[in-house]
Amino acid sequence: MESYSLVTRISGWPKAAMNYVEELQTEMRRVTWPSWKQVRATTGVVIVAVFAFAAYFYVVDFLVGRAITKIFTALSK
C-alpha cells in the first residue's frame, strides 16, 4: 500500500507543477505594476531613509560609546 501511494503522488507531480505555473501566470496578469516614475521616487525615498537611519545610529553609537568609556575610566581610577 505504501509504495502505491508514493507512486501515485510522484506521478501527480507534473500535473501539480503545471497547475501551479498556470495559476501563477493568472495571478501575475492581475498585478498592477508601478510606473517607472513611481519606482524612481520610492527608490529615492528608501535611499534617503537608509542614509538618515545610518547617520542617526552612528550618532547614537558614538554618544553611547563615549558615555561607556567615561564610566569605565571613572570606575577604573
PDB file of N, CA and C in Angstrom:
ATOM      1  N   MET A   1       0.810  -1.202   0.000  1.00  0.00           N
ATOM      2  CA  MET A   1       0.000   0.000   0.000  1.00  0.00           C
ATOM      3  C   MET A   1       0.851   1.264   0.000  1.00  0.00           C
ATOM      4  N   GLU A   2       1.891   1.227   0.798  1.00  0.00           N
ATOM      5  CA  GLU A   2       2.757   2.402   0.931  1.00  0.00           C
ATOM      6  C   GLU A   2       3.377   2.782  -0.404  1.00  0.00           C
ATOM      7  N   SER A   3       3.879   1.792  -1.153  1.00  0.00           N
ATOM      8  CA  SER A   3       4.537   2.079  -2.422  1.00  0.00           C
ATOM      9  C   SER A   3       3.529   2.595  -3.452  1.00  0.00           C
ATOM     10  N   TYR A   4       2.282   2.083  -3.395  1.00  0.00           N
ATOM     11  CA  TYR A   4       1.264   2.550  -4.341  1.00  0.00           C
ATOM     12  C   TYR A   4       0.972   4.026  -4.135  1.00  0.00           C
ATOM     13  N   SER A   5       0.823   4.444  -2.895  1.00  0.00           N
ATOM     14  CA  SER A   5       0.509   5.841  -2.653  1.00  0.00           C
ATOM     15  C   SER A   5       1.688   6.730  -3.023  1.00  0.00           C
ATOM     16  N   LEU A   6       2.920   6.240  -2.820  1.00  0.00           N
ATOM     17  CA  LEU A   6       4.106   7.002  -3.202  1.00  0.00           C
ATOM     18  C   LEU A   6       4.162   7.148  -4.721  1.00  0.00           C
ATOM     19  N   VAL A   7       3.896   6.076  -5.444  1.00  0.00           N
ATOM     20  CA  VAL A   7       3.901   6.120  -6.908  1.00  0.00           C
ATOM     21  C   VAL A   7       2.810   7.062  -7.400  1.00  0.00           C
ATOM     22  N   THR A   8       1.653   7.011  -6.776  1.00  0.00           N
ATOM     23  CA  THR A   8       0.549   7.896  -7.172  1.00  0.00           C
ATOM     24  C   THR A   8       0.927   9.351  -6.950  1.00  0.00           C
ATOM     25  N   ARG A   9       1.539   9.626  -5.801  1.00  0.00           N
ATOM     26  CA  ARG A   9       1.938  11.012  -5.521  1.00  0.00           C
ATOM     27  C   ARG A   9       3.013  11.476  -6.490  1.00  0.00           C
ATOM     28  N   ILE A  10       3.982  10.629  -6.776  1.00  0.00           N
ATOM     29  CA  ILE A  10       5.060  11.014  -7.692  1.00  0.00           C
ATOM     30  C   ILE A  10       4.517  11.235  -9.093  1.00  0.00           C
ATOM     31  N   SER A  11       3.601  10.373  -9.535  1.00  0.00           N
ATOM     32  CA  SER A  11       3.054  10.533 -10.887  1.00  0.00           C
ATOM     33  C   SER A  11       2.171  11.771 -10.999  1.00  0.00           C
ATOM     34  N   GLY A  12       1.695  12.306  -9.872  1.00  0.00           N
ATOM     35  CA  GLY A  12       0.868  13.507  -9.900  1.00  0.00           C
ATOM     36  C   GLY A  12       1.657  14.803  -9.872  1.00  0.00           C
ATOM     37  N   TRP A  13       2.978  14.725  -9.653  1.00  0.00           N
ATOM     38  CA  TRP A  13       3.797  15.937  -9.572  1.00  0.00           C
ATOM     39  C   TRP A  13       3.788  16.772 -10.850  1.00  0.00           C
ATOM     40  N   PRO A  14       3.948  16.185 -12.026  1.00  0.00           N
ATOM     41  CA  PRO A  14       3.947  17.029 -13.238  1.00  0.00           C
ATOM     42  C   PRO A  14       2.643  17.813 -13.401  1.00  0.00           C
ATOM     43  N   LYS A  15       1.522  17.165 -13.125  1.00  0.00           N
ATOM     44  CA  LYS A  15       0.234  17.849 -13.258  1.00  0.00           C
ATOM     45  C   LYS A  15       0.115  18.965 -12.212  1.00  0.00           C
ATOM     46  N   ALA A  16       0.563  18.689 -10.992  1.00  0.00           N
ATOM     47  CA  ALA A  16       0.517  19.712  -9.936  1.00  0.00           C
ATOM     48  C   ALA A  16       1.431  20.877 -10.286  1.00  0.00           C
ATOM     49  N   ALA A  17       2.590  20.579 -10.858  1.00  0.00           N
ATOM     50  CA  ALA A  17       3.521  21.648 -11.241  1.00  0.00           C
ATOM     51  C   ALA A  17       2.923  22.499 -12.351  1.00  0.00           C
ATOM     52  N   MET A  18       2.321  21.881 -13.330  1.00  0.00           N
ATOM     53  CA  MET A  18       1.682  22.639 -14.418  1.00  0.00           C
ATOM     54  C   MET A  18       0.540  23.495 -13.884  1.00  0.00           C
ATOM     55  N   ASN A  19      -0.249  22.941 -12.972  1.00  0.00           N
ATOM     56  CA  ASN A  19      -1.349  23.685 -12.370  1.00  0.00           C
ATOM     57  C   ASN A  19      -0.810  24.906 -11.623  1.00  0.00           C
ATOM     58  N   TYR A  20       0.286  24.722 -10.897  1.00  0.00           N
ATOM     59  CA  TYR A  20       0.905  25.825 -10.160  1.00  0.00           C
ATOM     60  C   TYR A  20       1.365  26.921 -11.120  1.00  0.00           C
ATOM     61  N   VAL A  21       2.022  26.547 -12.199  1.00  0.00           N
ATOM     62  CA  VAL A  21       2.531  27.523 -13.167  1.00  0.00           C
ATOM     63  C   VAL A  21       1.362  28.274 -13.805  1.00  0.00           C
ATOM     64  N   GLU A  22       0.299  27.582 -14.147  1.00  0.00           N
ATOM     65  CA  GLU A  22      -0.867  28.239 -14.748  1.00  0.00           C
ATOM     66  C   GLU A  22      -1.503  29.236 -13.779  1.00  0.00           C
ATOM     67  N   GLU A  23      -1.640  28.844 -12.511  1.00  0.00           N
ATOM     68  CA  GLU A  23      -2.200  29.750 -11.514  1.00  0.00           C
ATOM     69  C   GLU A  23      -1.286  30.944 -11.288  1.00  0.00           C
ATOM     70  N   LEU A  24       0.008  30.711 -11.318  1.00  0.00           N
ATOM     71  CA  LEU A  24       0.973  31.795 -11.155  1.00  0.00           C
ATOM     72  C   LEU A  24       0.857  32.794 -12.298  1.00  0.00           C
ATOM     73  N   GLN A  25       0.752  32.305 -13.508  1.00  0.00           N
ATOM     74  CA  GLN A  25       0.599  33.183 -14.666  1.00  0.00           C
ATOM     75  C   GLN A  25      -0.684  34.000 -14.565  1.00  0.00           C
ATOM     76  N   THR A  26      -1.760  33.364 -14.119  1.00  0.00           N
ATOM     77  CA  THR A  26      -3.033  34.071 -13.959  1.00  0.00           C
ATOM     78  C   THR A  26      -2.902  35.190 -12.933  1.00  0.00           C
ATOM     79  N   GLU A  27      -2.258  34.910 -11.818  1.00  0.00           N
ATOM     80  CA  GLU A  27      -2.093  35.925 -10.776  1.00  0.00           C
ATOM     81  C   GLU A  27      -1.178  37.055 -11.244  1.00  0.00           C
ATOM     82  N   MET A  28      -0.141  36.728 -11.988  1.00  0.00           N
ATOM     83  CA  MET A  28       0.788  37.758 -12.455  1.00  0.00           C
ATOM     84  C   MET A  28       0.109  38.706 -13.452  1.00  0.00           C
ATOM     85  N   ARG A  29      -0.894  38.230 -14.172  1.00  0.00           N
ATOM     86  CA  ARG A  29      -1.636  39.113 -15.080  1.00  0.00           C
ATOM     87  C   ARG A  29      -2.489  40.117 -14.299  1.00  0.00           C
ATOM     88  N   ARG A  30      -2.852  39.782 -13.080  1.00  0.00           N
ATOM     89  CA  ARG A  30      -3.696  40.655 -12.253  1.00  0.00           C
ATOM     90  C   ARG A  30      -2.898  41.730 -11.518  1.00  0.00           C
ATOM     91  N   VAL A  31      -1.587  41.594 -11.494  1.00  0.00           N
ATOM     92  CA  VAL A  31      -0.750  42.531 -10.749  1.00  0.00           C
ATOM     93  C   VAL A  31      -0.749  43.882 -11.448  1.00  0.00           C
ATOM     94  N   THR A  32      -0.882  44.937 -10.652  1.00  0.00           N
ATOM     95  CA  THR A  32      -0.735  46.285 -11.209  1.00  0.00           C
ATOM     96  C   THR A  32       0.666  46.777 -10.852  1.00  0.00           C
ATOM     97  N   TRP A  33       1.492  46.910 -11.871  1.00  0.00           N
ATOM     98  CA  TRP A  33       2.883  47.279 -11.667  1.00  0.00           C
ATOM     99  C   TRP A  33       3.004  48.795 -11.569  1.00  0.00           C
ATOM    100  N   PRO A  34       3.916  49.294 -10.725  1.00  0.00           N
ATOM    101  CA  PRO A  34       4.099  50.740 -10.610  1.00  0.00           C
ATOM    102  C   PRO A  34       4.760  51.295 -11.874  1.00  0.00           C
ATOM    103  N   SER A  35       4.531  52.584 -12.088  1.00  0.00           N
ATOM    104  CA  SER A  35       5.170  53.221 -13.239  1.00  0.00           C
ATOM    105  C   SER A  35       6.651  53.453 -12.931  1.00  0.00           C
ATOM    106  N   TRP A  36       7.420  53.747 -13.979  1.00  0.00           N
ATOM    107  CA  TRP A  36       8.850  53.997 -13.803  1.00  0.00           C
ATOM    108  C   TRP A  36       9.064  55.208 -12.893  1.00  0.00           C
ATOM    109  N   LYS A  37       8.211  56.203 -12.999  1.00  0.00           N
ATOM    110  CA  LYS A  37       8.319  57.394 -12.153  1.00  0.00           C
ATOM    111  C   LYS A  37       8.104  57.026 -10.685  1.00  0.00           C
ATOM    112  N   GLN A  38       7.133  56.168 -10.396  1.00  0.00           N
ATOM    113  CA  GLN A  38       6.885  55.732  -9.019  1.00  0.00           C
ATOM    114  C   GLN A  38       8.052  54.912  -8.477  1.00  0.00           C
ATOM    115  N   VAL A  39       8.628  54.069  -9.315  1.00  0.00           N
ATOM    116  CA  VAL A  39       9.766  53.255  -8.893  1.00  0.00           C
ATOM    117  C   VAL A  39      10.941  54.147  -8.524  1.00  0.00           C
ATOM    118  N   ARG A  40      11.234  55.143  -9.350  1.00  0.00           N
ATOM    119  CA  ARG A  40      12.343  56.062  -9.060  1.00  0.00           C
ATOM    120  C   ARG A  40      12.086  56.834  -7.781  1.00  0.00           C
ATOM    121  N   ALA A  41      10.855  57.310  -7.588  1.00  0.00           N
ATOM    122  CA  ALA A  41      10.537  58.103  -6.398  1.00  0.00           C
ATOM    123  C   ALA A  41      10.664  57.271  -5.129  1.00  0.00           C
ATOM    124  N   THR A  42      10.116  56.082  -5.129  1.00  0.00           N
ATOM    125  CA  THR A  42      10.186  55.263  -3.922  1.00  0.00           C
ATOM    126  C   THR A  42      11.613  54.775  -3.668  1.00  0.00           C
ATOM    127  N   THR A  43      12.376  54.534  -4.724  1.00  0.00           N
ATOM    128  CA  THR A  43      13.781  54.161  -4.549  1.00  0.00           C
ATOM    129  C   THR A  43      14.547  55.307  -3.914  1.00  0.00           C
ATOM    130  N   GLY A  44      14.273  56.521  -4.349  1.00  0.00           N
ATOM    131  CA  GLY A  44      14.919  57.691  -3.748  1.00  0.00           C
ATOM    132  C   GLY A  44      14.574  57.827  -2.276  1.00  0.00           C
ATOM    133  N   VAL A  45      13.319  57.606  -1.937  1.00  0.00           N
ATOM    134  CA  VAL A  45      12.895  57.685  -0.537  1.00  0.00           C
ATOM    135  C   VAL A  45      13.619  56.630   0.299  1.00  0.00           C
ATOM    136  N   VAL A  46      13.724  55.426  -0.224  1.00  0.00           N
ATOM    137  CA  VAL A  46      14.406  54.356   0.505  1.00  0.00           C
ATOM    138  C   VAL A  46      15.879  54.694   0.711  1.00  0.00           C
ATOM    139  N   ILE A  47      16.543  55.201  -0.304  1.00  0.00           N
ATOM    140  CA  ILE A  47      17.963  55.537  -0.180  1.00  0.00           C
ATOM    141  C   ILE A  47      18.169  56.652   0.846  1.00  0.00           C
ATOM    142  N   VAL A  48      17.334  57.681   0.791  1.00  0.00           N
ATOM    143  CA  VAL A  48      17.440  58.771   1.765  1.00  0.00           C
ATOM    144  C   VAL A  48      17.170  58.252   3.174  1.00  0.00           C
ATOM    145  N   ALA A  49      16.168  57.400   3.332  1.00  0.00           N
ATOM    146  CA  ALA A  49      15.843  56.854   4.656  1.00  0.00           C
ATOM    147  C   ALA A  49      16.991  56.007   5.191  1.00  0.00           C
ATOM    148  N   VAL A  50      17.625  55.220   4.346  1.00  0.00           N
ATOM    149  CA  VAL A  50      18.751  54.387   4.781  1.00  0.00           C
ATOM    150  C   VAL A  50      19.888  55.264   5.285  1.00  0.00           C
ATOM    151  N   PHE A  51      20.218  56.323   4.552  1.00  0.00           N
ATOM    152  CA  PHE A  51      21.298  57.208   4.995  1.00  0.00           C
ATOM    153  C   PHE A  51      20.911  57.970   6.260  1.00  0.00           C
ATOM    154  N   ALA A  52      19.654  58.365   6.380  1.00  0.00           N
ATOM    155  CA  ALA A  52      19.208  59.065   7.594  1.00  0.00           C
ATOM    156  C   ALA A  52      19.309  58.144   8.809  1.00  0.00           C
ATOM    157  N   PHE A  53      18.858  56.923   8.691  1.00  0.00           N
ATOM    158  CA  PHE A  53      18.959  55.973   9.803  1.00  0.00           C
ATOM    159  C   PHE A  53      20.418  55.654  10.121  1.00  0.00           C
ATOM    160  N   ALA A  54      21.243  55.528   9.091  1.00  0.00           N
ATOM    161  CA  ALA A  54      22.663  55.254   9.319  1.00  0.00           C
ATOM    162  C   ALA A  54      23.307  56.397  10.099  1.00  0.00           C
ATOM    163  N   ALA A  55      22.993  57.628   9.730  1.00  0.00           N
ATOM    164  CA  ALA A  55      23.541  58.782  10.451  1.00  0.00           C
ATOM    165  C   ALA A  55      23.033  58.808  11.886  1.00  0.00           C
ATOM    166  N   TYR A  56      21.753  58.553  12.085  1.00  0.00           N
ATOM    167  CA  TYR A  56      21.181  58.533  13.424  1.00  0.00           C
ATOM    168  C   TYR A  56      21.866  57.478  14.298  1.00  0.00           C
ATOM    169  N   PHE A  57      22.005  56.269  13.783  1.00  0.00           N
ATOM    170  CA  PHE A  57      22.629  55.207  14.567  1.00  0.00           C
ATOM    171  C   PHE A  57      24.112  55.467  14.800  1.00  0.00           C
ATOM    172  N   TYR A  58      24.777  56.119  13.844  1.00  0.00           N
ATOM    173  CA  TYR A  58      26.176  56.493  14.052  1.00  0.00           C
ATOM    174  C   TYR A  58      26.296  57.457  15.228  1.00  0.00           C
ATOM    175  N   VAL A  59      25.439  58.479  15.274  1.00  0.00           N
ATOM    176  CA  VAL A  59      25.474  59.455  16.363  1.00  0.00           C
ATOM    177  C   VAL A  59      25.150  58.788  17.695  1.00  0.00           C
ATOM    178  N   VAL A  60      24.114  57.969  17.734  1.00  0.00           N
ATOM    179  CA  VAL A  60      23.744  57.289  18.974  1.00  0.00           C
ATOM    180  C   VAL A  60      24.876  56.370  19.425  1.00  0.00           C
ATOM    181  N   ASP A  61      25.469  55.616  18.512  1.00  0.00           N
ATOM    182  CA  ASP A  61      26.575  54.725  18.854  1.00  0.00           C
ATOM    183  C   ASP A  61      27.757  55.528  19.385  1.00  0.00           C
ATOM    184  N   PHE A  62      28.063  56.642  18.756  1.00  0.00           N
ATOM    185  CA  PHE A  62      29.175  57.484  19.196  1.00  0.00           C
ATOM    186  C   PHE A  62      28.932  58.004  20.607  1.00  0.00           C
ATOM    187  N   LEU A  63      27.724  58.513  20.860  1.00  0.00           N
ATOM    188  CA  LEU A  63      27.419  59.075  22.180  1.00  0.00           C
ATOM    189  C   LEU A  63      27.407  57.995  23.270  1.00  0.00           C
ATOM    190  N   VAL A  64      26.802  56.872  22.998  1.00  0.00           N
ATOM    191  CA  VAL A  64      26.766  55.787  23.975  1.00  0.00           C
ATOM    192  C   VAL A  64      28.176  55.251  24.208  1.00  0.00           C
ATOM    193  N   GLY A  65      28.965  55.143  23.174  1.00  0.00           N
ATOM    194  CA  GLY A  65      30.336  54.676  23.311  1.00  0.00           C
ATOM    195  C   GLY A  65      31.167  55.608  24.180  1.00  0.00           C
ATOM    196  N   ARG A  66      31.015  56.910  23.963  1.00  0.00           N
ATOM    197  CA  ARG A  66      31.750  57.875  24.799  1.00  0.00           C
ATOM    198  C   ARG A  66      31.287  57.810  26.240  1.00  0.00           C
ATOM    199  N   ALA A  67      29.987  57.660  26.459  1.00  0.00           N
ATOM    200  CA  ALA A  67      29.473  57.579  27.827  1.00  0.00           C
ATOM    201  C   ALA A  67      30.004  56.338  28.538  1.00  0.00           C
ATOM    202  N   ILE A  68      30.010  55.219  27.851  1.00  0.00           N
ATOM    203  CA  ILE A  68      30.513  53.990  28.466  1.00  0.00           C
ATOM    204  C   ILE A  68      32.009  54.107  28.746  1.00  0.00           C
ATOM    205  N   THR A  69      32.749  54.704  27.811  1.00  0.00           N
ATOM    206  CA  THR A  69      34.175  54.903  28.039  1.00  0.00           C
ATOM    207  C   THR A  69      34.423  55.778  29.262  1.00  0.00           C
ATOM    208  N   LYS A  70      33.664  56.848  29.414  1.00  0.00           N
ATOM    209  CA  LYS A  70      33.806  57.724  30.579  1.00  0.00           C
ATOM    210  C   LYS A  70      33.479  56.982  31.865  1.00  0.00           C
ATOM    211  N   ILE A  71      32.444  56.152  31.836  1.00  0.00           N
ATOM    212  CA  ILE A  71      32.066  55.387  33.014  1.00  0.00           C
ATOM    213  C   ILE A  71      33.181  54.406  33.384  1.00  0.00           C
ATOM    214  N   PHE A  72      33.723  53.676  32.400  1.00  0.00           N
ATOM    215  CA  PHE A  72      34.803  52.736  32.686  1.00  0.00           C
ATOM    216  C   PHE A  72      36.045  53.439  33.172  1.00  0.00           C
ATOM    217  N   THR A  73      36.350  54.600  32.586  1.00  0.00           N
ATOM    218  CA  THR A  73      37.521  55.372  33.020  1.00  0.00           C
ATOM    219  C   THR A  73      37.346  55.840  34.467  1.00  0.00           C
ATOM    220  N   ALA A  74      36.167  56.314  34.790  1.00  0.00           N
ATOM    221  CA  ALA A  74      35.914  56.796  36.149  1.00  0.00           C
ATOM    222  C   ALA A  74      35.964  55.649  37.150  1.00  0.00           C
ATOM    223  N   LEU A  75      35.478  54.493  36.793  1.00  0.00           N
ATOM    224  CA  LEU A  75      35.464  53.354  37.707  1.00  0.00           C
ATOM    225  C   LEU A  75      36.826  52.668  37.845  1.00  0.00           C
ATOM    226  N   SER A  76      37.701  52.842  36.848  1.00  0.00           N
ATOM    227  CA  SER A  76      38.996  52.169  36.902  1.00  0.00           C
ATOM    228  C   SER A  76      40.045  52.972  37.660  1.00  0.00           C
ATOM    229  N   LYS A  77      39.746  54.199  38.051  1.00  0.00           N
ATOM    230  CA  LYS A  77      40.728  55.025  38.795  1.00  0.00           C
ATOM    231  C   LYS A  77      40.758  54.680  40.235  1.00  0.00           C
TER     232      LYS A  77
END
